[in-house]
Amino acid sequence: MLEVGNEAPKFSALDQDGNTLSLADFSGSWVLFWWYTKASTPG
């Protein structure tokens, strides 16, 4: 579990166009990451 002030773990994710992005791609920049927990799920 992350705690306030912890460094984000290294990860990769797909963007809206299917391209793989990793946190390292944004080294030295501020990054805002959010997701919708019910996106792409039934109901």
PDB file of N, CA and C in Angstrom:
ATOM      1  N   MET A   1       0.833  -1.171   0.000  1.00  0.00           N
ATOM      2  CA  MET A   1       0.000   0.000   0.000  1.00  0.00           C
ATOM      3  C   MET A   1       0.886   1.245   0.000  1.00  0.00           C
ATOM      4  N   LEU A   2       0.538   2.193  -0.839  1.00  0.00           N
ATOM      5  CA  LEU A   2       1.296   3.441  -0.869  1.00  0.00           C
ATOM      6  C   LEU A   2       0.907   4.319   0.312  1.00  0.00           C
ATOM      7  N   GLU A   3       1.866   5.044   0.800  1.00  0.00           N
ATOM      8  CA  GLU A   3       1.650   6.022   1.861  1.00  0.00           C
ATOM      9  C   GLU A   3       1.953   7.410   1.296  1.00  0.00           C
ATOM     10  N   VAL A   4       1.391   8.424   1.887  1.00  0.00           N
ATOM     11  CA  VAL A   4       1.660   9.803   1.459  1.00  0.00           C
ATOM     12  C   VAL A   4       3.166  10.040   1.506  1.00  0.00           C
ATOM     13  N   GLY A   5       3.705  10.569   0.435  1.00  0.00           N
ATOM     14  CA  GLY A   5       5.129  10.869   0.357  1.00  0.00           C
ATOM     15  C   GLY A   5       5.962   9.759  -0.276  1.00  0.00           C
ATOM     16  N   ASN A   6       5.378   8.567  -0.458  1.00  0.00           N
ATOM     17  CA  ASN A   6       6.102   7.477  -1.115  1.00  0.00           C
ATOM     18  C   ASN A   6       6.289   7.785  -2.592  1.00  0.00           C
ATOM     19  N   GLU A   7       7.366   7.286  -3.138  1.00  0.00           N
ATOM     20  CA  GLU A   7       7.580   7.389  -4.579  1.00  0.00           C
ATOM     21  C   GLU A   7       6.682   6.375  -5.276  1.00  0.00           C
ATOM     22  N   ALA A   8       6.134   6.753  -6.401  1.00  0.00           N
ATOM     23  CA  ALA A   8       5.263   5.844  -7.150  1.00  0.00           C
ATOM     24  C   ALA A   8       6.080   4.673  -7.684  1.00  0.00           C
ATOM     25  N   PRO A   9       5.516   3.471  -7.661  1.00  0.00           N
ATOM     26  CA  PRO A   9       6.229   2.314  -8.232  1.00  0.00           C
ATOM     27  C   PRO A   9       6.305   2.422  -9.748  1.00  0.00           C
ATOM     28  N   LYS A  10       7.281   1.752 -10.328  1.00  0.00           N
ATOM     29  CA  LYS A  10       7.393   1.723 -11.791  1.00  0.00           C
ATOM     30  C   LYS A  10       6.212   0.934 -12.353  1.00  0.00           C
ATOM     31  N   PHE A  11       5.590   1.455 -13.392  1.00  0.00           N
ATOM     32  CA  PHE A  11       4.472   0.754 -14.012  1.00  0.00           C
ATOM     33  C   PHE A  11       4.313   1.198 -15.453  1.00  0.00           C
ATOM     34  N   SER A  12       3.588   0.408 -16.212  1.00  0.00           N
ATOM     35  CA  SER A  12       3.206   0.740 -17.583  1.00  0.00           C
ATOM     36  C   SER A  12       1.710   0.557 -17.714  1.00  0.00           C
ATOM     37  N   ALA A  13       1.085   1.322 -18.602  1.00  0.00           N
ATOM     38  CA  ALA A  13      -0.357   1.232 -18.834  1.00  0.00           C
ATOM     39  C   ALA A  13      -0.641   1.642 -20.270  1.00  0.00           C
ATOM     40  N   LEU A  14      -1.787   1.236 -20.758  1.00  0.00           N
ATOM     41  CA  LEU A  14      -2.213   1.619 -22.100  1.00  0.00           C
ATOM     42  C   LEU A  14      -2.968   2.939 -22.051  1.00  0.00           C
ATOM     43  N   ASP A  15      -2.720   3.801 -23.027  1.00  0.00           N
ATOM     44  CA  ASP A  15      -3.490   5.033 -23.126  1.00  0.00           C
ATOM     45  C   ASP A  15      -4.754   4.782 -23.940  1.00  0.00           C
ATOM     46  N   GLN A  16      -5.518   5.829 -24.188  1.00  0.00           N
ATOM     47  CA  GLN A  16      -6.791   5.686 -24.897  1.00  0.00           C
ATOM     48  C   GLN A  16      -6.630   5.210 -26.329  1.00  0.00           C
ATOM     49  N   ASP A  17      -5.419   5.303 -26.881  1.00  0.00           N
ATOM     50  CA  ASP A  17      -5.167   4.862 -28.246  1.00  0.00           C
ATOM     51  C   ASP A  17      -4.479   3.501 -28.309  1.00  0.00           C
ATOM     52  N   GLY A  18      -4.288   2.870 -27.165  1.00  0.00           N
ATOM     53  CA  GLY A  18      -3.654   1.557 -27.120  1.00  0.00           C
ATOM     54  C   GLY A  18      -2.142   1.590 -27.080  1.00  0.00           C
ATOM     55  N   ASN A  19      -1.553   2.778 -26.934  1.00  0.00           N
ATOM     56  CA  ASN A  19      -0.099   2.901 -26.830  1.00  0.00           C
ATOM     57  C   ASN A  19       0.333   2.653 -25.386  1.00  0.00           C
ATOM     58  N   THR A  20       1.454   1.965 -25.222  1.00  0.00           N
ATOM     59  CA  THR A  20       1.970   1.714 -23.883  1.00  0.00           C
ATOM     60  C   THR A  20       2.781   2.917 -23.412  1.00  0.00           C
ATOM     61  N   LEU A  21       2.438   3.406 -22.240  1.00  0.00           N
ATOM     62  CA  LEU A  21       3.177   4.487 -21.596  1.00  0.00           C
ATOM     63  C   LEU A  21       3.697   3.971 -20.268  1.00  0.00           C
ATOM     64  N   SER A  22       4.861   4.420 -19.878  1.00  0.00           N
ATOM     65  CA  SER A  22       5.370   4.050 -18.572  1.00  0.00           C
ATOM     66  C   SER A  22       5.677   5.313 -17.790  1.00  0.00           C
ATOM     67  N   LEU A  23       5.719   5.174 -16.498  1.00  0.00           N
ATOM     68  CA  LEU A  23       5.999   6.322 -15.641  1.00  0.00           C
ATOM     69  C   LEU A  23       7.361   6.921 -15.986  1.00  0.00           C
ATOM     70  N   ALA A  24       8.300   6.080 -16.375  1.00  0.00           N
ATOM     71  CA  ALA A  24       9.640   6.554 -16.734  1.00  0.00           C
ATOM     72  C   ALA A  24       9.614   7.509 -17.938  1.00  0.00           C
ATOM     73  N   ASP A  25       8.596   7.406 -18.786  1.00  0.00           N
ATOM     74  CA  ASP A  25       8.474   8.302 -19.947  1.00  0.00           C
ATOM     75  C   ASP A  25       8.315   9.757 -19.521  1.00  0.00           C
ATOM     76  N   PHE A  26       7.888   9.973 -18.285  1.00  0.00           N
ATOM     77  CA  PHE A  26       7.605  11.319 -17.795  1.00  0.00           C
ATOM     78  C   PHE A  26       8.581  11.756 -16.717  1.00  0.00           C
ATOM     79  N   SER A  27       9.734  11.139 -16.677  1.00  0.00           N
ATOM     80  CA  SER A  27      10.739  11.462 -15.666  1.00  0.00           C
ATOM     81  C   SER A  27      11.034  12.965 -15.664  1.00  0.00           C
ATOM     82  N   GLY A  28      11.016  13.554 -14.492  1.00  0.00           N
ATOM     83  CA  GLY A  28      11.287  14.982 -14.353  1.00  0.00           C
ATOM     84  C   GLY A  28      10.064  15.862 -14.528  1.00  0.00           C
ATOM     85  N   SER A  29       8.907  15.266 -14.788  1.00  0.00           N
ATOM     86  CA  SER A  29       7.670  16.025 -14.981  1.00  0.00           C
ATOM     87  C   SER A  29       6.654  15.654 -13.908  1.00  0.00           C
ATOM     88  N   TRP A  30       5.723  16.545 -13.662  1.00  0.00           N
ATOM     89  CA  TRP A  30       4.604  16.233 -12.792  1.00  0.00           C
ATOM     90  C   TRP A  30       3.633  15.348 -13.567  1.00  0.00           C
ATOM     91  N   VAL A  31       3.068  14.363 -12.908  1.00  0.00           N
ATOM     92  CA  VAL A  31       2.140  13.431 -13.547  1.00  0.00           C
ATOM     93  C   VAL A  31       0.881  13.318 -12.696  1.00  0.00           C
ATOM     94  N   LEU A  32      -0.259  13.425 -13.339  1.00  0.00           N
ATOM     95  CA  LEU A  32      -1.546  13.199 -12.682  1.00  0.00           C
ATOM     96  C   LEU A  32      -2.138  11.944 -13.289  1.00  0.00           C
ATOM     97  N   PHE A  33      -2.481  10.999 -12.456  1.00  0.00           N
ATOM     98  CA  PHE A  33      -2.995   9.720 -12.923  1.00  0.00           C
ATOM     99  C   PHE A  33      -4.318   9.449 -12.239  1.00  0.00           C
ATOM    100  N   TRP A  34      -5.341   9.162 -13.023  1.00  0.00           N
ATOM    101  CA  TRP A  34      -6.615   8.777 -12.437  1.00  0.00           C
ATOM    102  C   TRP A  34      -7.255   7.718 -13.303  1.00  0.00           C
ATOM    103  N   TRP A  35      -8.182   7.006 -12.726  1.00  0.00           N
ATOM    104  CA  TRP A  35      -8.872   5.955 -13.444  1.00  0.00           C
ATOM    105  C   TRP A  35     -10.287   5.834 -12.927  1.00  0.00           C
ATOM    106  N   TYR A  36     -11.090   5.193 -13.706  1.00  0.00           N
ATOM    107  CA  TYR A  36     -12.476   4.959 -13.340  1.00  0.00           C
ATOM    108  C   TYR A  36     -12.602   3.474 -13.020  1.00  0.00           C
ATOM    109  N   THR A  37     -12.886   3.157 -11.786  1.00  0.00           N
ATOM    110  CA  THR A  37     -12.872   1.769 -11.346  1.00  0.00           C
ATOM    111  C   THR A  37     -13.929   0.916 -12.023  1.00  0.00           C
ATOM    112  N   LYS A  38     -14.995   1.504 -12.532  1.00  0.00           N
ATOM    113  CA  LYS A  38     -16.040   0.725 -13.178  1.00  0.00           C
ATOM    114  C   LYS A  38     -15.994   0.826 -14.698  1.00  0.00           C
ATOM    115  N   ALA A  39     -14.982   1.457 -15.240  1.00  0.00           N
ATOM    116  CA  ALA A  39     -14.862   1.570 -16.693  1.00  0.00           C
ATOM    117  C   ALA A  39     -14.655   0.182 -17.301  1.00  0.00           C
ATOM    118  N   SER A  40     -15.273  -0.049 -18.417  1.00  0.00           N
ATOM    119  CA  SER A  40     -15.163  -1.306 -19.149  1.00  0.00           C
ATOM    120  C   SER A  40     -15.663  -2.514 -18.364  1.00  0.00           C
ATOM    121  N   THR A  41     -16.577  -2.296 -17.436  1.00  0.00           N
ATOM    122  CA  THR A  41     -17.170  -3.405 -16.704  1.00  0.00           C
ATOM    123  C   THR A  41     -18.687  -3.383 -16.908  1.00  0.00           C
ATOM    124  N   PRO A  42     -19.334  -4.534 -16.854  1.00  0.00           N
ATOM    125  CA  PRO A  42     -20.785  -4.542 -17.019  1.00  0.00           C
ATOM    126  C   PRO A  42     -21.485  -3.896 -15.822  1.00  0.00           C
ATOM    127  N   GLY A  43     -22.600  -3.269 -16.074  1.00  0.00           N
ATOM    128  CA  GLY A  43     -23.397  -2.689 -14.994  1.00  0.00           C
ATOM    129  C   GLY A  43     -23.088  -1.276 -14.808  1.00  0.00           C
TER     130      GLY A  43
END
